Amino acid sequence: MNLETKEMTMNCPKCNGLMYMERLSDFFIIFHAWKCINCGIVVDKTIQDNRAKSTASV
């Protein structure tokens, strides 16, 4: 799963449903993340990096 691509849809890693890019904000920070239409899971660059680090240490 690569969040840097120009693709605007992808499959959910949890339920294999359709995901789309959504603009989110956290008070002062505006960022984009993938959100699943079926289960609602949100995956952004930080989540992706942390999962990669945790699986690499195992």
PDB file of N, CA and C in Angstrom:
ATOM      1  N   MET A   1       0.855  -1.179   0.000  1.00  0.00           N
ATOM      2  CA  MET A   1       0.000   0.000   0.000  1.00  0.00           C
ATOM      3  C   MET A   1       0.894   1.233   0.000  1.00  0.00           C
ATOM      4  N   ASN A   2       0.764   2.054  -0.996  1.00  0.00           N
ATOM      5  CA  ASN A   2       1.585   3.244  -1.128  1.00  0.00           C
ATOM      6  C   ASN A   2       0.683   4.468  -1.181  1.00  0.00           C
ATOM      7  N   LEU A   3       0.783   5.336  -0.178  1.00  0.00           N
ATOM      8  CA  LEU A   3      -0.066   6.517  -0.111  1.00  0.00           C
ATOM      9  C   LEU A   3       0.438   7.646  -0.991  1.00  0.00           C
ATOM     10  N   GLU A   4       1.623   7.504  -1.545  1.00  0.00           N
ATOM     11  CA  GLU A   4       2.207   8.556  -2.352  1.00  0.00           C
ATOM     12  C   GLU A   4       1.730   8.528  -3.810  1.00  0.00           C
ATOM     13  N   THR A   5       0.990   7.508  -4.200  1.00  0.00           N
ATOM     14  CA  THR A   5       0.581   7.380  -5.594  1.00  0.00           C
ATOM     15  C   THR A   5      -0.516   8.372  -5.937  1.00  0.00           C
ATOM     16  N   LYS A   6      -0.741   8.564  -7.225  1.00  0.00           N
ATOM     17  CA  LYS A   6      -1.770   9.469  -7.714  1.00  0.00           C
ATOM     18  C   LYS A   6      -3.121   8.775  -7.843  1.00  0.00           C
ATOM     19  N   GLU A   7      -3.187   7.478  -7.521  1.00  0.00           N
ATOM     20  CA  GLU A   7      -4.448   6.759  -7.597  1.00  0.00           C
ATOM     21  C   GLU A   7      -5.417   7.322  -6.562  1.00  0.00           C
ATOM     22  N   MET A   8      -6.674   7.405  -6.929  1.00  0.00           N
ATOM     23  CA  MET A   8      -7.661   7.982  -6.025  1.00  0.00           C
ATOM     24  C   MET A   8      -8.512   6.926  -5.327  1.00  0.00           C
ATOM     25  N   THR A   9      -8.351   5.640  -5.648  1.00  0.00           N
ATOM     26  CA  THR A   9      -9.033   4.560  -4.942  1.00  0.00           C
ATOM     27  C   THR A   9      -8.064   3.410  -4.725  1.00  0.00           C
ATOM     28  N   MET A  10      -8.377   2.588  -3.744  1.00  0.00           N
ATOM     29  CA  MET A  10      -7.592   1.398  -3.470  1.00  0.00           C
ATOM     30  C   MET A  10      -8.442   0.442  -2.659  1.00  0.00           C
ATOM     31  N   ASN A  11      -7.934  -0.768  -2.386  1.00  0.00           N
ATOM     32  CA  ASN A  11      -8.660  -1.751  -1.594  1.00  0.00           C
ATOM     33  C   ASN A  11      -8.256  -1.661  -0.131  1.00  0.00           C
ATOM     34  N   CYS A  12      -9.221  -1.855   0.739  1.00  0.00           N
ATOM     35  CA  CYS A  12      -9.008  -1.789   2.188  1.00  0.00           C
ATOM     36  C   CYS A  12      -8.171  -2.979   2.658  1.00  0.00           C
ATOM     37  N   PRO A  13      -7.155  -2.741   3.514  1.00  0.00           N
ATOM     38  CA  PRO A  13      -6.350  -3.850   4.029  1.00  0.00           C
ATOM     39  C   PRO A  13      -7.116  -4.708   5.038  1.00  0.00           C
ATOM     40  N   LYS A  14      -8.221  -4.193   5.591  1.00  0.00           N
ATOM     41  CA  LYS A  14      -8.997  -4.916   6.600  1.00  0.00           C
ATOM     42  C   LYS A  14     -10.115  -5.756   5.981  1.00  0.00           C
ATOM     43  N   CYS A  15     -10.940  -5.147   5.111  1.00  0.00           N
ATOM     44  CA  CYS A  15     -12.118  -5.836   4.575  1.00  0.00           C
ATOM     45  C   CYS A  15     -12.105  -5.975   3.057  1.00  0.00           C
ATOM     46  N   ASN A  16     -11.067  -5.467   2.400  1.00  0.00           N
ATOM     47  CA  ASN A  16     -10.919  -5.494   0.948  1.00  0.00           C
ATOM     48  C   ASN A  16     -11.980  -4.645   0.235  1.00  0.00           C
ATOM     49  N   GLY A  17     -12.593  -3.722   0.959  1.00  0.00           N
ATOM     50  CA  GLY A  17     -13.578  -2.825   0.368  1.00  0.00           C
ATOM     51  C   GLY A  17     -12.916  -1.655  -0.336  1.00  0.00           C
ATOM     52  N   LEU A  18     -13.729  -0.809  -0.908  1.00  0.00           N
ATOM     53  CA  LEU A  18     -13.252   0.351  -1.647  1.00  0.00           C
ATOM     54  C   LEU A  18     -12.820   1.462  -0.689  1.00  0.00           C
ATOM     55  N   MET A  19     -11.646   2.019  -0.921  1.00  0.00           N
ATOM     56  CA  MET A  19     -11.156   3.146  -0.130  1.00  0.00           C
ATOM     57  C   MET A  19     -11.031   4.365  -1.027  1.00  0.00           C
ATOM     58  N   TYR A  20     -11.155   5.536  -0.441  1.00  0.00           N
ATOM     59  CA  TYR A  20     -11.008   6.781  -1.187  1.00  0.00           C
ATOM     60  C   TYR A  20     -10.192   7.764  -0.361  1.00  0.00           C
ATOM     61  N   MET A  21      -9.604   8.742  -1.035  1.00  0.00           N
ATOM     62  CA  MET A  21      -8.781   9.745  -0.363  1.00  0.00           C
ATOM     63  C   MET A  21      -9.694  10.805   0.238  1.00  0.00           C
ATOM     64  N   GLU A  22      -9.479  11.086   1.536  1.00  0.00           N
ATOM     65  CA  GLU A  22     -10.290  12.082   2.214  1.00  0.00           C
ATOM     66  C   GLU A  22      -9.400  13.132   2.873  1.00  0.00           C
ATOM     67  N   ARG A  23      -9.827  14.373   2.848  1.00  0.00           N
ATOM     68  CA  ARG A  23      -9.107  15.468   3.488  1.00  0.00           C
ATOM     69  C   ARG A  23      -9.584  15.567   4.931  1.00  0.00           C
ATOM     70  N   LEU A  24      -8.651  15.461   5.872  1.00  0.00           N
ATOM     71  CA  LEU A  24      -8.956  15.503   7.306  1.00  0.00           C
ATOM     72  C   LEU A  24      -8.175  16.634   7.955  1.00  0.00           C
ATOM     73  N   SER A  25      -8.626  17.064   9.121  1.00  0.00           N
ATOM     74  CA  SER A  25      -7.894  18.102   9.850  1.00  0.00           C
ATOM     75  C   SER A  25      -7.878  17.785  11.335  1.00  0.00           C
ATOM     76  N   ASP A  26      -6.808  18.217  11.980  1.00  0.00           N
ATOM     77  CA  ASP A  26      -6.621  18.040  13.414  1.00  0.00           C
ATOM     78  C   ASP A  26      -6.219  19.392  13.993  1.00  0.00           C
ATOM     79  N   PHE A  27      -7.178  20.239  14.248  1.00  0.00           N
ATOM     80  CA  PHE A  27      -7.012  21.609  14.714  1.00  0.00           C
ATOM     81  C   PHE A  27      -6.185  22.455  13.751  1.00  0.00           C
ATOM     82  N   PHE A  28      -4.863  22.313  13.752  1.00  0.00           N
ATOM     83  CA  PHE A  28      -4.000  23.158  12.929  1.00  0.00           C
ATOM     84  C   PHE A  28      -3.447  22.446  11.700  1.00  0.00           C
ATOM     85  N   ILE A  29      -3.487  21.130  11.700  1.00  0.00           N
ATOM     86  CA  ILE A  29      -2.878  20.349  10.630  1.00  0.00           C
ATOM     87  C   ILE A  29      -3.961  19.813   9.690  1.00  0.00           C
ATOM     88  N   ILE A  30      -3.759  19.989   8.404  1.00  0.00           N
ATOM     89  CA  ILE A  30      -4.642  19.410   7.398  1.00  0.00           C
ATOM     90  C   ILE A  30      -3.852  18.332   6.674  1.00  0.00           C
ATOM     91  N   PHE A  31      -4.439  17.127   6.574  1.00  0.00           N
ATOM     92  CA  PHE A  31      -3.750  16.025   5.916  1.00  0.00           C
ATOM     93  C   PHE A  31      -4.754  15.184   5.140  1.00  0.00           C
ATOM     94  N   HIS A  32      -4.222  14.327   4.274  1.00  0.00           N
ATOM     95  CA  HIS A  32      -5.055  13.440   3.476  1.00  0.00           C
ATOM     96  C   HIS A  32      -4.809  12.004   3.916  1.00  0.00           C
ATOM     97  N   ALA A  33      -5.879  11.207   3.951  1.00  0.00           N
ATOM     98  CA  ALA A  33      -5.774   9.812   4.343  1.00  0.00           C
ATOM     99  C   ALA A  33      -6.779   8.994   3.543  1.00  0.00           C
ATOM    100  N   TRP A  34      -6.519   7.689   3.478  1.00  0.00           N
ATOM    101  CA  TRP A  34      -7.442   6.770   2.818  1.00  0.00           C
ATOM    102  C   TRP A  34      -8.513   6.358   3.822  1.00  0.00           C
ATOM    103  N   LYS A  35      -9.771   6.337   3.408  1.00  0.00           N
ATOM    104  CA  LYS A  35     -10.885   5.917   4.267  1.00  0.00           C
ATOM    105  C   LYS A  35     -11.710   4.873   3.524  1.00  0.00           C
ATOM    106  N   CYS A  36     -12.060   3.797   4.220  1.00  0.00           N
ATOM    107  CA  CYS A  36     -12.825   2.702   3.631  1.00  0.00           C
ATOM    108  C   CYS A  36     -14.321   3.020   3.682  1.00  0.00           C
ATOM    109  N   ILE A  37     -14.995   2.785   2.569  1.00  0.00           N
ATOM    110  CA  ILE A  37     -16.437   3.005   2.501  1.00  0.00           C
ATOM    111  C   ILE A  37     -17.185   1.944   3.312  1.00  0.00           C
ATOM    112  N   ASN A  38     -16.671   0.710   3.363  1.00  0.00           N
ATOM    113  CA  ASN A  38     -17.357  -0.386   4.057  1.00  0.00           C
ATOM    114  C   ASN A  38     -17.179  -0.352   5.569  1.00  0.00           C
ATOM    115  N   CYS A  39     -15.929  -0.416   6.047  1.00  0.00           N
ATOM    116  CA  CYS A  39     -15.685  -0.559   7.484  1.00  0.00           C
ATOM    117  C   CYS A  39     -15.257   0.732   8.166  1.00  0.00           C
ATOM    118  N   GLY A  40     -14.899   1.761   7.412  1.00  0.00           N
ATOM    119  CA  GLY A  40     -14.560   3.054   7.996  1.00  0.00           C
ATOM    120  C   GLY A  40     -13.135   3.209   8.475  1.00  0.00           C
ATOM    121  N   ILE A  41     -12.280   2.207   8.259  1.00  0.00           N
ATOM    122  CA  ILE A  41     -10.888   2.315   8.692  1.00  0.00           C
ATOM    123  C   ILE A  41     -10.201   3.477   7.960  1.00  0.00           C
ATOM    124  N   VAL A  42      -9.348   4.191   8.680  1.00  0.00           N
ATOM    125  CA  VAL A  42      -8.595   5.312   8.116  1.00  0.00           C
ATOM    126  C   VAL A  42      -7.114   4.953   8.158  1.00  0.00           C
ATOM    127  N   VAL A  43      -6.417   5.113   7.038  1.00  0.00           N
ATOM    128  CA  VAL A  43      -4.987   4.823   6.954  1.00  0.00           C
ATOM    129  C   VAL A  43      -4.304   6.029   6.326  1.00  0.00           C
ATOM    130  N   ASP A  44      -3.320   6.584   7.042  1.00  0.00           N
ATOM    131  CA  ASP A  44      -2.547   7.698   6.499  1.00  0.00           C
ATOM    132  C   ASP A  44      -1.066   7.327   6.486  1.00  0.00           C
ATOM    133  N   LYS A  45      -0.233   8.242   6.072  1.00  0.00           N
ATOM    134  CA  LYS A  45       1.208   7.996   5.943  1.00  0.00           C
ATOM    135  C   LYS A  45       1.829   7.595   7.288  1.00  0.00           C
ATOM    136  N   THR A  46       1.445   8.240   8.369  1.00  0.00           N
ATOM    137  CA  THR A  46       1.990   7.928   9.696  1.00  0.00           C
ATOM    138  C   THR A  46       1.606   6.517  10.126  1.00  0.00           C
ATOM    139  N   ILE A  47       0.358   6.140   9.934  1.00  0.00           N
ATOM    140  CA  ILE A  47      -0.091   4.789  10.282  1.00  0.00           C
ATOM    141  C   ILE A  47       0.664   3.761   9.457  1.00  0.00           C
ATOM    142  N   GLN A  48       0.810   4.017   8.175  1.00  0.00           N
ATOM    143  CA  GLN A  48       1.527   3.109   7.284  1.00  0.00           C
ATOM    144  C   GLN A  48       2.978   2.936   7.736  1.00  0.00           C
ATOM    145  N   ASP A  49       3.652   4.032   8.065  1.00  0.00           N
ATOM    146  CA  ASP A  49       5.058   3.967   8.512  1.00  0.00           C
ATOM    147  C   ASP A  49       5.187   3.206   9.833  1.00  0.00           C
ATOM    148  N   ASN A  50       4.298   3.444  10.773  1.00  0.00           N
ATOM    149  CA  ASN A  50       4.360   2.765  12.068  1.00  0.00           C
ATOM    150  C   ASN A  50       4.118   1.266  11.924  1.00  0.00           C
ATOM    151  N   ARG A  51       3.194   0.875  11.063  1.00  0.00           N
ATOM    152  CA  ARG A  51       2.955  -0.565  10.832  1.00  0.00           C
ATOM    153  C   ARG A  51       4.172  -1.214  10.195  1.00  0.00           C
ATOM    154  N   ALA A  52       4.811  -0.525   9.277  1.00  0.00           N
ATOM    155  CA  ALA A  52       6.010  -1.077   8.631  1.00  0.00           C
ATOM    156  C   ALA A  52       7.135  -1.256   9.651  1.00  0.00           C
ATOM    157  N   LYS A  53       7.301  -0.308  10.563  1.00  0.00           N
ATOM    158  CA  LYS A  53       8.338  -0.414  11.599  1.00  0.00           C
ATOM    159  C   LYS A  53       8.057  -1.548  12.561  1.00  0.00           C
ATOM    160  N   SER A  54       6.791  -1.732  12.962  1.00  0.00           N
ATOM    161  CA  SER A  54       6.471  -2.762  13.936  1.00  0.00           C
ATOM    162  C   SER A  54       6.611  -4.172  13.344  1.00  0.00           C
ATOM    163  N   THR A  55       6.297  -4.345  12.062  1.00  0.00           N
ATOM    164  CA  THR A  55       6.472  -5.653  11.443  1.00  0.00           C
ATOM    165  C   THR A  55       7.934  -5.928  11.110  1.00  0.00           C
ATOM    166  N   ALA A  56       8.741  -4.912  10.904  1.00  0.00           N
ATOM    167  CA  ALA A  56      10.161  -5.110  10.593  1.00  0.00           C
ATOM    168  C   ALA A  56      10.934  -5.572  11.822  1.00  0.00           C
ATOM    169  N   SER A  57      10.483  -5.225  13.017  1.00  0.00           N
ATOM    170  CA  SER A  57      11.206  -5.595  14.231  1.00  0.00           C
ATOM    171  C   SER A  57      10.889  -7.008  14.692  1.00  0.00           C
ATOM    172  N   VAL A  58       9.881  -7.648  14.120  1.00  0.00           N
ATOM    173  CA  VAL A  58       9.471  -8.998  14.535  1.00  0.00           C
ATOM    174  C   VAL A  58      10.324 -10.041  13.917  1.00  0.00           C
TER     175      VAL A  58
END
